[in-house]
Amino acid sequence: TNGHSARGFEPYQAVNKTNEFIEFEIPSHSGLVGKSLIDLQLPVHVVLIHRDSDDFIPKGNTEVQAHDRLVCLVNRNAIPEIKHRLETSEIH
């Protein structure tokens, strides 16, 4: 593994030397719950959301719900910030 795997945070494959696809779950205690993707200002490009038994391509106004699993394209250097923001209630 590349050292980024953690509970609720799964790496996919590298796209190139700096970017990769990741999947992570939004914890129920996260301050991200109820916010639209555009308002999150996370350093990722969300390409797919798994919600309950549905998969869909989100829009900027899609609101994040607890336990959503987001598949994102991300710069590897941003992964620590994403992990921190998922585990806290911080919204920037």
N, C-alpha and C. Protein backbone atom coordinates (compact mmCIF):
# COMPACT_ATOMS: atom_id res chain seq x y z
N THR A 1 0.85 -1.19 0.00
CA THR A 1 0.00 0.00 0.00
C THR A 1 0.88 1.23 0.00
N ASN A 2 0.28 2.38 -0.18
CA ASN A 2 1.05 3.62 -0.26
C ASN A 2 1.05 4.38 1.06
N GLY A 3 0.55 3.77 2.14
CA GLY A 3 0.59 4.40 3.44
C GLY A 3 -0.58 5.32 3.72
N HIS A 4 -1.51 5.45 2.79
CA HIS A 4 -2.64 6.35 2.97
C HIS A 4 -3.89 5.64 3.46
N SER A 5 -3.86 4.32 3.53
CA SER A 5 -5.06 3.59 3.90
C SER A 5 -5.32 3.74 5.40
N ALA A 6 -6.55 4.01 5.73
CA ALA A 6 -7.00 4.12 7.12
C ALA A 6 -8.48 3.74 7.14
N ARG A 7 -9.04 3.58 8.33
CA ARG A 7 -10.44 3.23 8.44
C ARG A 7 -11.28 4.25 7.69
N GLY A 8 -12.11 3.76 6.75
CA GLY A 8 -12.98 4.65 6.00
C GLY A 8 -12.28 5.45 4.93
N PHE A 9 -11.05 5.12 4.61
CA PHE A 9 -10.25 5.91 3.67
C PHE A 9 -9.47 4.94 2.81
N GLU A 10 -9.90 4.77 1.56
CA GLU A 10 -9.32 3.72 0.73
C GLU A 10 -8.65 4.29 -0.51
N PRO A 11 -7.41 3.91 -0.78
CA PRO A 11 -6.76 4.34 -2.02
C PRO A 11 -7.26 3.50 -3.19
N TYR A 12 -7.31 4.09 -4.35
CA TYR A 12 -7.59 3.36 -5.58
C TYR A 12 -6.25 3.16 -6.27
N GLN A 13 -6.08 3.74 -7.41
CA GLN A 13 -4.80 3.59 -8.10
C GLN A 13 -4.24 4.95 -8.44
N ALA A 14 -2.96 4.97 -8.62
CA ALA A 14 -2.29 6.21 -8.99
C ALA A 14 -2.66 6.59 -10.42
N VAL A 15 -2.94 7.85 -10.63
CA VAL A 15 -3.19 8.37 -11.97
C VAL A 15 -1.86 8.77 -12.59
N ASN A 16 -1.03 9.43 -11.81
CA ASN A 16 0.32 9.78 -12.20
C ASN A 16 1.13 9.93 -10.92
N LYS A 17 2.28 10.56 -10.96
CA LYS A 17 3.14 10.63 -9.78
C LYS A 17 2.58 11.50 -8.66
N THR A 18 1.65 12.40 -8.97
CA THR A 18 1.15 13.29 -7.93
C THR A 18 -0.33 13.13 -7.63
N ASN A 19 -1.09 12.50 -8.51
CA ASN A 19 -2.54 12.38 -8.32
C ASN A 19 -2.99 10.93 -8.27
N GLU A 20 -4.04 10.69 -7.51
CA GLU A 20 -4.61 9.35 -7.45
C GLU A 20 -6.09 9.45 -7.11
N PHE A 21 -6.80 8.38 -7.38
CA PHE A 21 -8.19 8.28 -6.97
C PHE A 21 -8.23 7.69 -5.57
N ILE A 22 -9.07 8.27 -4.72
CA ILE A 22 -9.28 7.75 -3.37
C ILE A 22 -10.77 7.68 -3.11
N GLU A 23 -11.13 6.87 -2.14
CA GLU A 23 -12.52 6.79 -1.69
C GLU A 23 -12.49 6.95 -0.18
N PHE A 24 -13.36 7.81 0.34
CA PHE A 24 -13.43 7.96 1.78
C PHE A 24 -14.87 8.16 2.21
N GLU A 25 -15.12 7.78 3.46
CA GLU A 25 -16.46 7.87 4.04
C GLU A 25 -16.57 9.13 4.89
N ILE A 26 -17.71 9.78 4.81
CA ILE A 26 -17.98 10.96 5.63
C ILE A 26 -18.50 10.47 6.99
N PRO A 27 -17.76 10.69 8.07
CA PRO A 27 -18.22 10.27 9.39
C PRO A 27 -19.47 11.06 9.82
N SER A 28 -20.31 10.45 10.61
CA SER A 28 -21.55 11.11 11.04
C SER A 28 -21.28 12.35 11.89
N HIS A 29 -20.12 12.41 12.56
CA HIS A 29 -19.79 13.55 13.41
C HIS A 29 -19.08 14.68 12.66
N SER A 30 -18.84 14.48 11.37
CA SER A 30 -18.07 15.45 10.60
C SER A 30 -18.86 16.73 10.36
N GLY A 31 -18.17 17.84 10.42
CA GLY A 31 -18.77 19.13 10.10
C GLY A 31 -19.08 19.28 8.62
N LEU A 32 -18.66 18.32 7.83
CA LEU A 32 -18.94 18.35 6.39
C LEU A 32 -20.37 17.92 6.08
N VAL A 33 -21.01 17.19 7.00
CA VAL A 33 -22.37 16.69 6.79
C VAL A 33 -23.33 17.86 6.62
N GLY A 34 -24.15 17.77 5.57
CA GLY A 34 -25.15 18.79 5.30
C GLY A 34 -24.64 19.95 4.46
N LYS A 35 -23.36 19.96 4.14
CA LYS A 35 -22.76 21.01 3.32
C LYS A 35 -22.77 20.58 1.85
N SER A 36 -22.88 21.54 0.96
CA SER A 36 -22.79 21.22 -0.46
C SER A 36 -21.32 21.04 -0.82
N LEU A 37 -21.07 20.30 -1.88
CA LEU A 37 -19.69 20.07 -2.31
C LEU A 37 -18.97 21.38 -2.58
N ILE A 38 -19.65 22.32 -3.18
CA ILE A 38 -19.02 23.60 -3.51
C ILE A 38 -18.60 24.35 -2.24
N ASP A 39 -19.37 24.19 -1.15
CA ASP A 39 -19.07 24.87 0.10
C ASP A 39 -17.97 24.18 0.91
N LEU A 40 -17.68 22.93 0.60
CA LEU A 40 -16.68 22.19 1.38
C LEU A 40 -15.28 22.73 1.17
N GLN A 41 -14.98 23.14 -0.01
CA GLN A 41 -13.66 23.64 -0.36
C GLN A 41 -12.56 22.63 0.00
N LEU A 42 -12.85 21.37 -0.21
CA LEU A 42 -11.83 20.33 -0.03
C LEU A 42 -10.95 20.31 -1.27
N PRO A 43 -9.67 20.00 -1.11
CA PRO A 43 -8.75 19.96 -2.25
C PRO A 43 -8.88 18.66 -3.04
N VAL A 44 -10.10 18.37 -3.50
CA VAL A 44 -10.38 17.15 -4.26
C VAL A 44 -11.38 17.47 -5.37
N HIS A 45 -11.45 16.56 -6.33
CA HIS A 45 -12.50 16.60 -7.35
C HIS A 45 -13.34 15.36 -7.13
N VAL A 46 -14.57 15.53 -6.63
CA VAL A 46 -15.45 14.41 -6.34
C VAL A 46 -16.06 13.92 -7.66
N VAL A 47 -15.81 12.67 -8.00
CA VAL A 47 -16.29 12.13 -9.27
C VAL A 47 -17.48 11.19 -9.11
N LEU A 48 -17.68 10.65 -7.89
CA LEU A 48 -18.78 9.71 -7.67
C LEU A 48 -19.11 9.69 -6.18
N ILE A 49 -20.38 9.54 -5.86
CA ILE A 49 -20.81 9.35 -4.47
C ILE A 49 -21.58 8.04 -4.38
N HIS A 50 -21.17 7.21 -3.42
CA HIS A 50 -21.93 6.00 -3.06
C HIS A 50 -22.79 6.40 -1.86
N ARG A 51 -24.11 6.33 -2.02
CA ARG A 51 -25.03 6.67 -0.91
C ARG A 51 -26.04 5.55 -0.80
N ASP A 52 -26.05 4.90 0.36
CA ASP A 52 -26.92 3.74 0.57
C ASP A 52 -26.63 2.73 -0.54
N SER A 53 -27.62 2.41 -1.36
CA SER A 53 -27.39 1.44 -2.45
C SER A 53 -27.26 2.13 -3.80
N ASP A 54 -27.15 3.46 -3.81
CA ASP A 54 -27.07 4.22 -5.06
C ASP A 54 -25.66 4.77 -5.28
N ASP A 55 -25.29 4.87 -6.55
CA ASP A 55 -24.07 5.53 -6.97
C ASP A 55 -24.49 6.63 -7.93
N PHE A 56 -23.93 7.83 -7.78
CA PHE A 56 -24.27 8.91 -8.69
C PHE A 56 -23.12 9.89 -8.83
N ILE A 57 -23.15 10.61 -9.94
CA ILE A 57 -22.17 11.67 -10.19
C ILE A 57 -22.73 12.95 -9.59
N PRO A 58 -22.03 13.53 -8.63
CA PRO A 58 -22.56 14.70 -7.93
C PRO A 58 -22.37 15.99 -8.71
N LYS A 59 -23.14 16.98 -8.32
CA LYS A 59 -22.99 18.34 -8.83
C LYS A 59 -22.48 19.20 -7.68
N GLY A 60 -22.13 20.43 -7.95
CA GLY A 60 -21.60 21.31 -6.92
C GLY A 60 -22.57 21.57 -5.79
N ASN A 61 -23.88 21.51 -6.08
CA ASN A 61 -24.88 21.77 -5.04
C ASN A 61 -25.31 20.50 -4.31
N THR A 62 -24.70 19.35 -4.62
CA THR A 62 -25.02 18.10 -3.92
C THR A 62 -24.59 18.22 -2.47
N GLU A 63 -25.50 17.94 -1.55
CA GLU A 63 -25.18 17.98 -0.12
C GLU A 63 -24.63 16.64 0.33
N VAL A 64 -23.58 16.72 1.13
CA VAL A 64 -22.94 15.53 1.68
C VAL A 64 -23.75 15.04 2.87
N GLN A 65 -23.96 13.73 2.93
CA GLN A 65 -24.68 13.11 4.04
C GLN A 65 -23.74 12.19 4.81
N ALA A 66 -24.07 11.97 6.07
CA ALA A 66 -23.29 11.04 6.88
C ALA A 66 -23.24 9.68 6.20
N HIS A 67 -22.09 9.09 6.20
CA HIS A 67 -21.81 7.76 5.64
C HIS A 67 -21.76 7.73 4.12
N ASP A 68 -21.87 8.89 3.45
CA ASP A 68 -21.60 8.91 2.02
C ASP A 68 -20.17 8.47 1.80
N ARG A 69 -19.93 7.75 0.71
CA ARG A 69 -18.57 7.40 0.32
C ARG A 69 -18.27 8.17 -0.96
N LEU A 70 -17.28 9.04 -0.89
CA LEU A 70 -16.90 9.90 -2.00
C LEU A 70 -15.69 9.33 -2.71
N VAL A 71 -15.80 9.17 -4.02
CA VAL A 71 -14.67 8.77 -4.85
C VAL A 71 -14.14 10.05 -5.47
N CYS A 72 -12.85 10.33 -5.24
CA CYS A 72 -12.28 11.62 -5.61
C CYS A 72 -10.93 11.46 -6.31
N LEU A 73 -10.64 12.45 -7.14
CA LEU A 73 -9.30 12.60 -7.69
C LEU A 73 -8.61 13.62 -6.80
N VAL A 74 -7.43 13.28 -6.31
CA VAL A 74 -6.78 14.13 -5.32
C VAL A 74 -5.26 14.15 -5.54
N ASN A 75 -4.66 15.27 -5.22
CA ASN A 75 -3.21 15.36 -5.17
C ASN A 75 -2.76 14.67 -3.89
N ARG A 76 -1.79 13.78 -3.99
CA ARG A 76 -1.34 13.02 -2.81
C ARG A 76 -0.94 13.92 -1.64
N ASN A 77 -0.39 15.08 -1.93
CA ASN A 77 0.04 15.98 -0.86
C ASN A 77 -1.12 16.51 -0.04
N ALA A 78 -2.34 16.46 -0.56
CA ALA A 78 -3.51 16.98 0.14
C ALA A 78 -4.17 15.93 1.05
N ILE A 79 -3.74 14.69 0.98
CA ILE A 79 -4.39 13.62 1.74
C ILE A 79 -4.37 13.87 3.25
N PRO A 80 -3.27 14.30 3.86
CA PRO A 80 -3.31 14.56 5.30
C PRO A 80 -4.35 15.63 5.69
N GLU A 81 -4.48 16.69 4.89
CA GLU A 81 -5.48 17.71 5.19
C GLU A 81 -6.89 17.15 5.09
N ILE A 82 -7.15 16.33 4.09
CA ILE A 82 -8.47 15.73 3.91
C ILE A 82 -8.80 14.85 5.11
N LYS A 83 -7.85 14.00 5.52
CA LYS A 83 -8.08 13.13 6.68
C LYS A 83 -8.41 13.95 7.92
N HIS A 84 -7.65 15.02 8.14
CA HIS A 84 -7.88 15.87 9.31
C HIS A 84 -9.28 16.47 9.27
N ARG A 85 -9.68 16.99 8.15
CA ARG A 85 -10.98 17.65 8.05
C ARG A 85 -12.13 16.66 8.16
N LEU A 86 -11.93 15.42 7.74
CA LEU A 86 -12.97 14.41 7.88
C LEU A 86 -13.19 14.01 9.33
N GLU A 87 -12.13 14.00 10.09
CA GLU A 87 -12.20 13.54 11.47
C GLU A 87 -12.52 14.64 12.47
N THR A 88 -12.64 15.86 12.00
CA THR A 88 -12.98 16.97 12.88
C THR A 88 -14.26 17.63 12.37
N SER A 89 -14.68 18.63 13.05
CA SER A 89 -15.86 19.37 12.61
C SER A 89 -15.46 20.66 11.92
N GLU A 90 -14.19 20.77 11.52
CA GLU A 90 -13.70 22.00 10.93
C GLU A 90 -14.20 22.18 9.49
N ILE A 91 -14.71 23.37 9.23
CA ILE A 91 -15.06 23.77 7.86
C ILE A 91 -14.27 25.04 7.60
N HIS A 92 -13.58 25.07 6.49
CA HIS A 92 -12.78 26.25 6.12
C HIS A 92 -13.53 27.07 5.12
